[in-house]
Amino acid sequence: MDETKQTFTDKKLLVKGLKRLALSLPVLVLTTYLLTFAFLNKEVLPLYIVLPLGIIGIAATVFLMFGGIKIILKSIFH
Protein backbone atom coordinates (compact mmCIF):
# COMPACT_ATOMS: atom_id res chain seq x y z
CA MET A 1 0.00 0.00 0.00
CA ASP A 2 1.11 3.48 -0.81
CA GLU A 3 0.72 5.90 2.04
CA THR A 4 0.15 9.48 1.04
CA LYS A 5 2.32 11.98 2.81
CA GLN A 6 0.17 14.56 4.52
CA THR A 7 1.64 17.94 5.17
CA PHE A 8 0.13 20.41 7.54
CA THR A 9 0.43 24.13 7.83
CA ASP A 10 3.32 25.35 9.96
CA LYS A 11 1.46 27.53 12.44
CA LYS A 12 4.54 29.37 13.70
CA LEU A 13 5.44 30.53 10.20
CA LEU A 14 1.82 31.43 9.51
CA VAL A 15 1.64 33.61 12.61
CA LYS A 16 4.96 35.24 11.69
CA GLY A 17 3.66 36.06 8.21
CA LEU A 18 0.39 37.44 9.55
CA LYS A 19 2.28 39.62 12.04
CA ARG A 20 4.40 41.00 9.23
CA LEU A 21 1.29 41.78 7.18
CA ALA A 22 -0.34 43.38 10.22
CA LEU A 23 2.75 45.55 10.69
CA SER A 24 2.64 46.66 7.07
CA LEU A 25 -0.87 48.13 7.35
CA PRO A 26 -0.02 51.01 9.74
CA VAL A 27 3.13 51.70 7.72
CA LEU A 28 0.97 51.89 4.58
CA VAL A 29 -1.41 54.38 6.15
CA LEU A 30 1.42 56.48 7.58
CA THR A 31 3.26 56.63 4.25
CA THR A 32 0.12 57.64 2.42
CA TYR A 33 -0.35 60.47 4.90
CA LEU A 34 3.30 61.56 4.62
CA LEU A 35 3.21 61.66 0.83
CA THR A 36 -0.07 63.59 0.80
CA PHE A 37 1.36 66.08 3.29
CA ALA A 38 4.52 66.49 1.23
CA PHE A 39 2.72 67.09 -2.06
CA LEU A 40 0.19 69.50 -0.56
CA ASN A 41 2.95 71.68 0.97
CA LYS A 42 5.21 72.19 -2.03
CA GLU A 43 6.34 75.69 -1.09
CA VAL A 44 7.62 75.06 2.41
CA LEU A 45 10.71 73.34 3.78
CA PRO A 46 9.07 70.18 5.23
CA LEU A 47 8.60 68.91 1.68
CA TYR A 48 12.31 68.09 1.51
CA ILE A 49 12.19 66.31 4.86
CA VAL A 50 8.89 64.47 4.57
CA LEU A 51 9.08 63.35 0.93
CA PRO A 52 12.18 61.13 1.38
CA LEU A 53 10.62 59.64 4.51
CA GLY A 54 7.49 58.82 2.53
CA ILE A 55 9.48 57.21 -0.27
CA ILE A 56 11.48 55.12 2.21
CA GLY A 57 8.20 54.18 3.90
CA ILE A 58 6.76 53.00 0.58
CA ALA A 59 9.76 50.74 0.06
CA ALA A 60 9.38 49.39 3.61
CA THR A 61 5.67 48.74 3.03
CA VAL A 62 6.29 46.83 -0.19
CA PHE A 63 9.07 44.84 1.50
CA LEU A 64 6.88 43.96 4.50
CA MET A 65 3.86 43.00 2.41
CA PHE A 66 5.71 40.76 -0.03
CA GLY A 67 7.77 39.28 2.78
CA GLY A 68 4.61 38.49 4.76
CA ILE A 69 2.91 36.90 1.77
CA LYS A 70 6.04 34.88 1.01
CA ILE A 71 6.21 33.59 4.59
CA ILE A 72 2.51 32.67 4.58
CA LEU A 73 2.85 30.78 1.32
CA LYS A 74 5.94 29.02 2.66
CA SER A 75 4.03 27.93 5.76
CA ILE A 76 1.14 26.56 3.73
CA PHE A 77 2.90 24.87 0.81
CA HIS A 78 6.24 23.86 2.26
C-alpha atoms as a PDB file:
ATOM      1  CA  MET A   1       0.000   0.000   0.000  1.00  0.00           C
ATOM      2  CA  ASP A   2       1.109   3.480  -0.815  1.00  0.00           C
ATOM      3  CA  GLU A   3       0.719   5.900   2.038  1.00  0.00           C
ATOM      4  CA  THR A   4       0.150   9.483   1.043  1.00  0.00           C
ATOM      5  CA  LYS A   5       2.319  11.976   2.810  1.00  0.00           C
ATOM      6  CA  GLN A   6       0.172  14.557   4.523  1.00  0.00           C
ATOM      7  CA  THR A   7       1.640  17.944   5.168  1.00  0.00           C
ATOM      8  CA  PHE A   8       0.129  20.407   7.538  1.00  0.00           C
ATOM      9  CA  THR A   9       0.428  24.133   7.828  1.00  0.00           C
ATOM     10  CA  ASP A  10       3.322  25.347   9.963  1.00  0.00           C
ATOM     11  CA  LYS A  11       1.455  27.528  12.440  1.00  0.00           C
ATOM     12  CA  LYS A  12       4.540  29.366  13.696  1.00  0.00           C
ATOM     13  CA  LEU A  13       5.438  30.526  10.204  1.00  0.00           C
ATOM     14  CA  LEU A  14       1.816  31.429   9.507  1.00  0.00           C
ATOM     15  CA  VAL A  15       1.643  33.614  12.612  1.00  0.00           C
ATOM     16  CA  LYS A  16       4.965  35.242  11.695  1.00  0.00           C
ATOM     17  CA  GLY A  17       3.662  36.064   8.212  1.00  0.00           C
ATOM     18  CA  LEU A  18       0.391  37.441   9.549  1.00  0.00           C
ATOM     19  CA  LYS A  19       2.278  39.617  12.036  1.00  0.00           C
ATOM     20  CA  ARG A  20       4.398  41.004   9.230  1.00  0.00           C
ATOM     21  CA  LEU A  21       1.290  41.778   7.181  1.00  0.00           C
ATOM     22  CA  ALA A  22      -0.341  43.384  10.217  1.00  0.00           C
ATOM     23  CA  LEU A  23       2.750  45.549  10.688  1.00  0.00           C
ATOM     24  CA  SER A  24       2.637  46.662   7.072  1.00  0.00           C
ATOM     25  CA  LEU A  25      -0.867  48.128   7.348  1.00  0.00           C
ATOM     26  CA  PRO A  26      -0.022  51.010   9.738  1.00  0.00           C
ATOM     27  CA  VAL A  27       3.129  51.703   7.721  1.00  0.00           C
ATOM     28  CA  LEU A  28       0.974  51.885   4.577  1.00  0.00           C
ATOM     29  CA  VAL A  29      -1.415  54.377   6.155  1.00  0.00           C
ATOM     30  CA  LEU A  30       1.422  56.477   7.578  1.00  0.00           C
ATOM     31  CA  THR A  31       3.263  56.631   4.254  1.00  0.00           C
ATOM     32  CA  THR A  32       0.123  57.644   2.418  1.00  0.00           C
ATOM     33  CA  TYR A  33      -0.349  60.469   4.901  1.00  0.00           C
ATOM     34  CA  LEU A  34       3.304  61.558   4.616  1.00  0.00           C
ATOM     35  CA  LEU A  35       3.212  61.658   0.827  1.00  0.00           C
ATOM     36  CA  THR A  36      -0.065  63.586   0.798  1.00  0.00           C
ATOM     37  CA  PHE A  37       1.363  66.077   3.289  1.00  0.00           C
ATOM     38  CA  ALA A  38       4.519  66.485   1.231  1.00  0.00           C
ATOM     39  CA  PHE A  39       2.720  67.088  -2.061  1.00  0.00           C
ATOM     40  CA  LEU A  40       0.186  69.502  -0.558  1.00  0.00           C
ATOM     41  CA  ASN A  41       2.946  71.675   0.966  1.00  0.00           C
ATOM     42  CA  LYS A  42       5.206  72.191  -2.029  1.00  0.00           C
ATOM     43  CA  GLU A  43       6.337  75.689  -1.094  1.00  0.00           C
ATOM     44  CA  VAL A  44       7.624  75.059   2.406  1.00  0.00           C
ATOM     45  CA  LEU A  45      10.707  73.342   3.778  1.00  0.00           C
ATOM     46  CA  PRO A  46       9.067  70.183   5.231  1.00  0.00           C
ATOM     47  CA  LEU A  47       8.602  68.907   1.675  1.00  0.00           C
ATOM     48  CA  TYR A  48      12.315  68.086   1.507  1.00  0.00           C
ATOM     49  CA  ILE A  49      12.192  66.312   4.855  1.00  0.00           C
ATOM     50  CA  VAL A  50       8.886  64.466   4.574  1.00  0.00           C
ATOM     51  CA  LEU A  51       9.083  63.352   0.935  1.00  0.00           C
ATOM     52  CA  PRO A  52      12.178  61.131   1.383  1.00  0.00           C
ATOM     53  CA  LEU A  53      10.624  59.635   4.515  1.00  0.00           C
ATOM     54  CA  GLY A  54       7.495  58.819   2.526  1.00  0.00           C
ATOM     55  CA  ILE A  55       9.484  57.206  -0.268  1.00  0.00           C
ATOM     56  CA  ILE A  56      11.480  55.116   2.211  1.00  0.00           C
ATOM     57  CA  GLY A  57       8.201  54.184   3.896  1.00  0.00           C
ATOM     58  CA  ILE A  58       6.756  53.004   0.581  1.00  0.00           C
ATOM     59  CA  ALA A  59       9.765  50.740   0.062  1.00  0.00           C
ATOM     60  CA  ALA A  60       9.378  49.392   3.606  1.00  0.00           C
ATOM     61  CA  THR A  61       5.672  48.743   3.029  1.00  0.00           C
ATOM     62  CA  VAL A  62       6.294  46.829  -0.185  1.00  0.00           C
ATOM     63  CA  PHE A  63       9.071  44.837   1.496  1.00  0.00           C
ATOM     64  CA  LEU A  64       6.879  43.964   4.497  1.00  0.00           C
ATOM     65  CA  MET A  65       3.861  43.004   2.408  1.00  0.00           C
ATOM     66  CA  PHE A  66       5.715  40.763  -0.031  1.00  0.00           C
ATOM     67  CA  GLY A  67       7.770  39.276   2.782  1.00  0.00           C
ATOM     68  CA  GLY A  68       4.608  38.493   4.760  1.00  0.00           C
ATOM     69  CA  ILE A  69       2.913  36.903   1.765  1.00  0.00           C
ATOM     70  CA  LYS A  70       6.043  34.884   1.008  1.00  0.00           C
ATOM     71  CA  ILE A  71       6.214  33.591   4.589  1.00  0.00           C
ATOM     72  CA  ILE A  72       2.509  32.673   4.583  1.00  0.00           C
ATOM     73  CA  LEU A  73       2.855  30.782   1.315  1.00  0.00           C
ATOM     74  CA  LYS A  74       5.941  29.023   2.664  1.00  0.00           C
ATOM     75  CA  SER A  75       4.028  27.932   5.759  1.00  0.00           C
ATOM     76  CA  ILE A  76       1.139  26.562   3.726  1.00  0.00           C
ATOM     77  CA  PHE A  77       2.898  24.873   0.811  1.00  0.00           C
ATOM     78  CA  HIS A  78       6.237  23.858   2.262  1.00  0.00           C
END
